[in-house]
Amino acid sequence: MSQNPTPEPRPNPPPRPAARRHLRRLAATWMGLVLGAVMTLSALILWHLVRRGRLLRENLDPPRVVRWEAIDPTDRNPEPPPP
């Protein structure tokens, strides 16, 4: 069984300055578009949550008055119940 030796890697061609500029500009444009999309979606989500909260608050009834019965502190059992 013979094994093929791994081929030697080819040297990378020297980068062309015009191609590097084009690639850099393309990457910057792509990152700007992604950042803009994320910011736009974040703003829409925040706007939606604020709007929904306001609509929910508008439809709520006014708070009711709740009266609690007075609890006598001597009614409490200071000892825990037996296990």
Protein backbone atom coordinates (compact mmCIF):
# COMPACT_ATOMS: atom_id res chain seq x y z
CA MET A 1 0.00 0.00 0.00
CA SER A 2 1.68 3.19 -1.12
CA GLN A 3 0.86 6.52 0.40
CA ASN A 4 0.84 9.66 -1.65
CA PRO A 5 3.02 12.34 -0.15
CA THR A 6 1.22 15.55 0.60
CA PRO A 7 1.70 18.05 -2.20
CA GLU A 8 3.70 21.11 -1.39
CA PRO A 9 1.52 24.20 -1.00
CA ARG A 10 1.66 26.65 -3.83
CA PRO A 11 2.94 30.10 -2.96
CA ASN A 12 0.23 32.72 -2.83
CA PRO A 13 0.39 35.17 -5.69
CA PRO A 14 1.28 38.69 -4.64
CA PRO A 15 -1.90 40.66 -3.95
CA ARG A 16 -2.78 43.34 -6.41
CA PRO A 17 -3.33 46.79 -4.85
CA ALA A 18 -6.51 47.42 -6.83
CA ALA A 19 -8.00 44.10 -5.74
CA ARG A 20 -7.13 44.77 -2.10
CA ARG A 21 -8.78 48.21 -2.24
CA HIS A 22 -11.86 46.70 -3.87
CA LEU A 23 -12.05 43.92 -1.28
CA ARG A 24 -11.57 46.39 1.60
CA ARG A 25 -14.32 48.64 0.24
CA LEU A 26 -16.63 45.64 -0.29
CA ALA A 27 -16.07 44.44 3.30
CA ALA A 28 -16.68 47.94 4.69
CA THR A 29 -19.90 48.27 2.69
CA TRP A 30 -21.10 44.85 3.83
CA MET A 31 -20.35 45.63 7.49
CA GLY A 32 -22.13 48.97 7.16
CA LEU A 33 -25.20 47.31 5.70
CA VAL A 34 -25.27 44.66 8.43
CA LEU A 35 -24.84 47.29 11.15
CA GLY A 36 -27.61 49.42 9.62
CA ALA A 37 -29.96 46.43 9.43
CA VAL A 38 -29.30 45.48 13.05
CA MET A 39 -29.85 49.06 14.21
CA THR A 40 -33.06 49.34 12.19
CA LEU A 41 -34.45 46.10 13.59
CA SER A 42 -33.50 47.13 17.13
CA ALA A 43 -35.24 50.48 16.71
CA LEU A 44 -38.39 48.80 15.35
CA ILE A 45 -38.47 46.32 18.23
CA LEU A 46 -38.09 49.10 20.81
CA TRP A 47 -40.76 51.20 19.11
CA HIS A 48 -43.12 48.22 19.05
CA LEU A 49 -42.60 47.42 22.74
CA VAL A 50 -43.14 51.04 23.80
CA ARG A 51 -46.26 51.35 21.62
CA ARG A 52 -47.68 48.06 22.89
CA GLY A 53 -47.05 49.08 26.49
CA ARG A 54 -48.89 52.37 25.96
CA LEU A 55 -51.84 50.63 24.31
CA LEU A 56 -52.07 48.12 27.14
CA ARG A 57 -51.95 50.88 29.76
CA GLU A 58 -54.70 52.83 27.98
CA ASN A 59 -57.05 49.82 28.04
CA LEU A 60 -56.52 49.00 31.73
CA ASP A 61 -59.13 49.93 34.29
CA PRO A 62 -58.07 52.40 36.98
CA PRO A 63 -56.52 50.79 40.04
CA ARG A 64 -58.94 49.55 42.69
CA VAL A 65 -58.76 50.47 46.33
CA VAL A 66 -57.79 47.40 48.32
CA ARG A 67 -58.45 47.25 52.05
CA TRP A 68 -56.51 44.76 54.08
CA GLU A 69 -57.80 43.45 57.35
CA ALA A 70 -55.62 44.33 60.26
CA ILE A 71 -53.55 41.36 61.37
CA ASP A 72 -52.71 41.14 65.06
CA PRO A 73 -49.03 40.25 65.46
CA THR A 74 -49.82 38.26 68.63
CA ASP A 75 -51.82 35.74 66.57
CA ARG A 76 -48.64 34.33 65.07
CA ASN A 77 -47.15 31.18 66.47
CA PRO A 78 -43.44 31.91 67.16
CA GLU A 79 -42.62 28.20 67.34
CA PRO A 80 -42.38 26.17 64.15
CA PRO A 81 -44.84 23.30 63.83
CA PRO A 82 -43.52 19.88 64.93
CA PRO A 83 -42.21 17.66 62.11
